[in-house]
Amino acid sequence: MEIIAEKQRKRKRLAFKFKAYSTIIFFSLLIVFALYLLIQTNIFKIKNIEVVQLNINQSETQKIIGKYKIFLAGQSKIKAILGTDNILVWENSEEFLKSQPHISEFSIEKDYLNREVKIKISDREKFGIWCLSGQNPSNCWWFDKYGLIFEKAPLVEGEMIYKINDFSGRDLKIGDLAISGYLFQNLSKIFGVLEKLEINIRTFQLSELSSQEISTESALYPKIYFSLRIDPNLSIATLQSLKKTGWNKIEYIDLRVENRAFYKLK
């Protein structure tokens, strides 16, 4: 009886090993087959890439797509092996978008059935120029409507574009916010208030960041002091009233105290 039982145990062990090895071989072959489909066949190869460009030229678009492919290949060994022609490796990436601050959108849509990829690329809109120290052209930067520094800018004169001369002594680099969110919101409102009142001033001076104050620079209008902590729309009625006095008769206007206005006549 013991001999028969031992033989049965051996048969069970052999059967278990056979099933285990068979399962391992099956899944190994399945993985090899899947890798063959992924790498050696065209089943996942991209047939067409459609690009929708907004405010960006063709040459710059191709550069960005080239950078994206390099980015993909560096994400993992699997993606590098599959290659950037494989539709499976293409995906939206906040990390890549952050690495390209001069664009505001880089989105991808995939059609697996037709093996097509649609890319939407938008250039970041230039809202104004921020100059550190106000003089050195190498320290001027374009900023967008949210206050994001995203590209080197030339030193410009005149009132064609918003320009902030920053004498605070700090450093800025691409990807930084020129000033924090709510302060920049009020700065944008200052731009809007002046436009609404047809006051053609687009150059401003920021002396100290800690004071959170900004002033206008213009030879045609009195200097106007604003607090970036206060909504400038509260001062519209005051400015409208002073406008009737005549800008050429006023030396400066101080709006840095909430619900109060100070001004000096020449």
Protein backbone atom coordinates (compact mmCIF):
# COMPACT_ATOMS: atom_id res chain seq x y z
CA MET A 1 0.00 0.00 0.00
CA GLU A 2 2.82 2.39 0.85
CA ILE A 3 4.47 1.70 -2.52
CA ILE A 4 1.20 2.47 -4.36
CA ALA A 5 0.68 5.68 -2.36
CA GLU A 6 4.23 6.83 -3.11
CA LYS A 7 3.69 6.22 -6.84
CA GLN A 8 0.47 8.26 -6.71
CA ARG A 9 2.28 11.14 -4.98
CA LYS A 10 5.00 11.06 -7.64
CA ARG A 11 2.38 11.13 -10.40
CA LYS A 12 0.68 14.11 -8.74
CA ARG A 13 4.00 15.96 -8.40
CA LEU A 14 4.84 15.25 -12.03
CA ALA A 15 1.37 16.40 -13.10
CA PHE A 16 1.72 19.59 -11.06
CA LYS A 17 5.18 20.30 -12.50
CA PHE A 18 3.90 19.61 -16.00
CA LYS A 19 1.01 22.05 -15.54
CA ALA A 20 3.30 24.67 -13.98
CA TYR A 21 5.91 24.43 -16.71
CA SER A 22 3.22 24.36 -19.38
CA THR A 23 1.68 27.51 -17.93
CA ILE A 24 5.07 29.26 -17.78
CA ILE A 25 5.88 28.24 -21.36
CA PHE A 26 2.43 29.33 -22.55
CA PHE A 27 2.65 32.79 -21.00
CA SER A 28 6.28 33.17 -22.13
CA LEU A 29 5.24 32.40 -25.70
CA LEU A 30 2.31 34.78 -25.29
CA ILE A 31 4.66 37.56 -24.14
CA VAL A 32 7.06 36.85 -27.00
CA PHE A 33 4.16 36.93 -29.46
CA ALA A 34 2.87 40.19 -27.97
CA LEU A 35 6.35 41.74 -28.18
CA TYR A 36 6.61 40.56 -31.77
CA LEU A 37 3.31 42.26 -32.57
CA LEU A 38 4.40 45.43 -30.80
CA ILE A 39 7.89 45.71 -32.25
CA GLN A 40 8.19 43.76 -35.48
CA THR A 41 4.79 44.34 -37.07
CA ASN A 42 2.97 47.50 -38.15
CA ILE A 43 -0.16 46.75 -36.16
CA PHE A 44 0.49 49.68 -33.79
CA LYS A 45 2.58 51.83 -36.11
CA ILE A 46 1.21 55.36 -36.55
CA LYS A 47 -0.10 55.90 -40.08
CA ASN A 48 -0.87 59.60 -39.86
CA ILE A 49 -0.20 62.55 -37.56
CA GLU A 50 -2.57 65.52 -37.81
CA VAL A 51 -1.36 68.76 -36.27
CA VAL A 52 -3.65 71.64 -35.30
CA GLN A 53 -1.56 74.79 -34.85
CA LEU A 54 -2.73 77.90 -33.03
CA ASN A 55 -0.56 81.04 -33.30
CA ILE A 56 2.56 78.99 -34.07
CA ASN A 57 4.45 78.41 -37.32
CA GLN A 58 5.17 75.10 -39.02
CA SER A 59 8.90 75.17 -38.32
CA GLU A 60 8.44 75.67 -34.58
CA THR A 61 5.74 72.99 -34.54
CA GLN A 62 8.09 70.40 -36.02
CA LYS A 63 10.76 71.31 -33.46
CA ILE A 64 8.29 70.79 -30.61
CA ILE A 65 7.15 67.41 -31.98
CA GLY A 66 10.80 66.38 -32.33
CA LYS A 67 11.43 67.32 -28.69
CA TYR A 68 8.34 65.37 -27.65
CA LYS A 69 9.62 62.22 -29.39
CA ILE A 70 12.95 62.55 -27.59
CA PHE A 71 11.04 63.06 -24.33
CA LEU A 72 8.98 59.89 -24.96
CA ALA A 73 12.03 57.75 -25.70
CA GLY A 74 13.61 58.87 -22.44
CA GLN A 75 10.58 58.05 -20.29
CA SER A 76 11.25 54.30 -20.01
CA LYS A 77 13.15 51.43 -21.62
CA ILE A 78 9.90 49.92 -22.87
CA LYS A 79 8.97 53.11 -24.72
CA ALA A 80 12.48 53.33 -26.12
CA ILE A 81 12.22 49.73 -27.41
CA LEU A 82 8.75 50.22 -28.88
CA GLY A 83 9.86 53.44 -30.58
CA THR A 84 8.10 56.75 -31.09
CA ASP A 85 6.28 55.46 -34.18
CA ASN A 86 4.21 53.21 -31.92
CA ILE A 87 0.81 54.70 -31.11
CA LEU A 88 0.78 53.06 -27.66
CA VAL A 89 3.60 55.24 -26.32
CA TRP A 90 1.99 58.57 -27.26
CA GLU A 91 0.20 60.24 -24.37
CA ASN A 92 -0.57 63.62 -22.85
CA SER A 93 2.16 64.77 -20.50
CA GLU A 94 2.04 67.68 -18.07
CA GLU A 95 5.74 67.17 -17.49
CA PHE A 96 6.55 67.77 -21.16
CA LEU A 97 4.26 70.80 -21.32
CA LYS A 98 6.00 72.35 -18.30
CA SER A 99 9.35 71.84 -20.01
CA GLN A 100 8.14 73.98 -22.94
CA PRO A 101 6.88 77.19 -21.28
CA HIS A 102 6.57 79.04 -24.61
CA ILE A 103 3.56 76.86 -25.52
CA SER A 104 0.29 76.90 -23.59
CA GLU A 105 -1.15 73.64 -24.94
CA PHE A 106 0.18 70.33 -26.21
CA SER A 107 -2.65 67.80 -26.30
CA ILE A 108 -2.87 64.41 -27.98
CA GLU A 109 -5.88 62.45 -29.22
CA LYS A 110 -5.43 58.89 -30.53
CA ASP A 111 -7.53 56.90 -33.00
CA TYR A 112 -6.37 53.30 -32.49
CA LEU A 113 -8.60 51.87 -35.21
CA ASN A 114 -7.11 54.06 -37.93
CA ARG A 115 -3.74 54.39 -36.18
CA GLU A 116 -3.91 58.17 -36.30
CA VAL A 117 -2.69 60.79 -33.83
CA LYS A 118 -4.05 64.33 -33.56
CA ILE A 119 -1.83 66.92 -31.88
CA LYS A 120 -3.04 70.35 -30.83
CA ILE A 121 -0.31 72.92 -30.18
CA SER A 122 -0.92 76.49 -29.01
CA ASP A 123 1.71 79.17 -28.67
CA ARG A 124 1.64 81.11 -25.42
CA GLU A 125 0.25 84.60 -26.04
CA LYS A 126 2.58 87.50 -25.35
CA PHE A 127 0.81 89.86 -22.94
CA GLY A 128 3.64 92.17 -21.92
CA ILE A 129 7.34 92.56 -21.11
CA TRP A 130 8.90 92.39 -17.64
CA CYS A 131 12.35 93.99 -17.36
CA LEU A 132 14.57 93.50 -14.33
CA SER A 133 16.29 96.79 -13.43
CA GLY A 134 14.51 98.28 -16.44
CA GLN A 135 17.64 98.85 -18.51
CA ASN A 136 19.51 95.67 -19.47
CA PRO A 137 17.86 94.03 -22.50
CA SER A 138 19.23 90.64 -21.45
CA ASN A 139 16.96 90.83 -18.40
CA CYS A 140 13.67 91.38 -20.21
CA TRP A 141 11.08 88.63 -20.44
CA TRP A 142 7.73 88.08 -22.11
CA PHE A 143 4.88 87.25 -19.73
CA ASP A 144 1.44 85.88 -20.53
CA LYS A 145 -2.01 86.89 -19.27
CA TYR A 146 -1.43 84.91 -16.07
CA GLY A 147 1.92 86.55 -15.31
CA LEU A 148 4.01 83.53 -16.34
CA ILE A 149 7.53 84.35 -17.56
CA PHE A 150 8.10 82.22 -20.66
CA GLU A 151 10.54 83.74 -23.16
CA LYS A 152 13.33 86.29 -23.55
CA ALA A 153 12.15 89.68 -24.83
CA PRO A 154 13.79 92.75 -26.35
CA LEU A 155 13.98 96.10 -24.58
CA VAL A 156 11.18 98.21 -26.06
CA GLU A 157 10.19 101.86 -25.82
CA GLY A 158 6.84 103.58 -26.30
CA GLU A 159 3.30 102.65 -25.33
CA MET A 160 2.56 99.88 -27.82
CA ILE A 161 2.85 97.04 -25.31
CA TYR A 162 2.65 96.66 -21.54
CA LYS A 163 6.05 96.91 -19.92
CA ILE A 164 7.04 96.62 -16.26
CA ASN A 165 10.38 98.06 -15.16
CA ASP A 166 11.24 96.04 -12.06
CA PHE A 167 13.80 97.67 -9.72
CA SER A 168 13.19 95.23 -6.84
CA GLY A 169 16.62 93.64 -7.27
CA ARG A 170 15.34 90.07 -7.50
CA ASP A 171 15.97 87.37 -10.10
CA LEU A 172 13.47 85.88 -12.52
CA LYS A 173 13.74 82.90 -14.83
CA ILE A 174 11.61 81.19 -17.43
CA GLY A 175 8.73 79.35 -15.76
CA ASP A 176 8.42 81.80 -12.85
CA LEU A 177 5.40 83.96 -12.08
CA ALA A 178 6.37 87.63 -12.30
CA ILE A 179 4.29 88.28 -9.18
CA SER A 180 1.89 86.09 -7.23
CA GLY A 181 -1.56 85.31 -8.56
CA TYR A 182 -3.87 87.81 -6.89
CA LEU A 183 -1.34 90.65 -7.24
CA PHE A 184 -1.08 89.99 -10.96
CA GLN A 185 -4.87 89.88 -11.22
CA ASN A 186 -5.01 93.42 -9.83
CA LEU A 187 -2.21 94.48 -12.18
CA SER A 188 -4.28 93.20 -15.11
CA LYS A 189 -7.24 95.16 -13.76
CA ILE A 190 -5.07 98.30 -13.66
CA PHE A 191 -4.38 97.80 -17.36
CA GLY A 192 -8.12 97.46 -17.95
CA VAL A 193 -9.05 100.55 -15.92
CA LEU A 194 -6.57 102.75 -17.80
CA GLU A 195 -7.80 101.46 -21.16
CA LYS A 196 -11.41 102.05 -20.13
CA LEU A 197 -10.61 105.65 -19.24
CA GLU A 198 -8.60 106.07 -22.48
CA ILE A 199 -5.42 106.76 -20.54
CA ASN A 200 -2.66 105.63 -22.88
CA ILE A 201 -0.12 104.41 -20.33
CA ARG A 202 1.51 101.02 -20.75
CA THR A 203 4.80 101.48 -18.90
CA PHE A 204 4.99 100.89 -15.14
CA GLN A 205 7.60 100.83 -12.42
CA LEU A 206 7.87 98.34 -9.57
CA SER A 207 10.33 99.63 -6.97
CA GLU A 208 9.99 97.21 -4.06
CA LEU A 209 8.20 93.88 -4.20
CA SER A 210 7.50 93.93 -0.45
CA SER A 211 5.43 97.12 -0.72
CA GLN A 212 3.17 95.53 -3.36
CA GLU A 213 2.84 98.88 -5.11
CA ILE A 214 3.31 99.99 -8.69
CA SER A 215 3.36 103.36 -10.45
CA THR A 216 2.89 104.58 -14.00
CA GLU A 217 5.63 106.09 -16.18
CA SER A 218 4.55 108.60 -18.81
CA ALA A 219 5.56 112.06 -20.03
CA LEU A 220 1.98 112.83 -21.07
CA TYR A 221 0.12 111.95 -17.87
CA PRO A 222 0.61 112.51 -14.14
CA LYS A 223 2.28 109.68 -12.24
CA ILE A 224 -0.34 107.37 -10.75
CA TYR A 225 0.45 105.19 -7.74
CA PHE A 226 -1.50 101.93 -7.32
CA SER A 227 -1.54 99.30 -4.59
CA LEU A 228 -1.54 95.78 -6.02
CA ARG A 229 -3.50 94.68 -2.95
CA ILE A 230 -6.49 96.87 -3.87
CA ASP A 231 -8.94 96.35 -6.73
CA PRO A 232 -8.31 99.36 -9.03
CA ASN A 233 -11.91 99.34 -10.23
CA LEU A 234 -12.76 101.08 -6.94
CA SER A 235 -10.85 104.12 -8.24
CA ILE A 236 -12.59 104.51 -11.60
CA ALA A 237 -14.94 107.28 -10.41
CA THR A 238 -12.02 109.19 -8.85
CA LEU A 239 -9.94 109.01 -12.02
CA GLN A 240 -12.92 110.06 -14.14
CA SER A 241 -13.38 113.11 -11.92
CA LEU A 242 -9.67 114.05 -12.04
CA LYS A 243 -9.66 113.59 -15.80
CA LYS A 244 -12.05 116.55 -16.05
CA THR A 245 -9.54 118.69 -14.15
CA GLY A 246 -7.00 118.12 -16.91
CA TRP A 247 -4.06 115.73 -16.73
CA ASN A 248 -1.60 118.51 -17.50
CA LYS A 249 -2.60 120.29 -14.27
CA ILE A 250 -1.91 117.31 -12.00
CA GLU A 251 1.55 116.26 -10.80
CA TYR A 252 0.61 112.88 -9.31
CA ILE A 253 -2.33 110.77 -8.12
CA ASP A 254 -1.99 108.40 -5.17
CA LEU A 255 -4.49 105.51 -4.99
CA ARG A 256 -2.57 103.32 -2.53
CA VAL A 257 -5.08 103.70 0.32
CA GLU A 258 -8.39 101.89 -0.06
CA ASN A 259 -11.38 104.20 -0.62
CA ARG A 260 -9.08 107.23 -0.50
CA ALA A 261 -7.36 109.27 -3.21
CA PHE A 262 -4.62 111.86 -2.89
CA TYR A 263 -3.38 114.10 -5.64
CA LYS A 264 -1.15 117.11 -6.11
CA LEU A 265 -1.69 119.93 -8.57
CA LYS A 266 1.23 121.54 -10.36
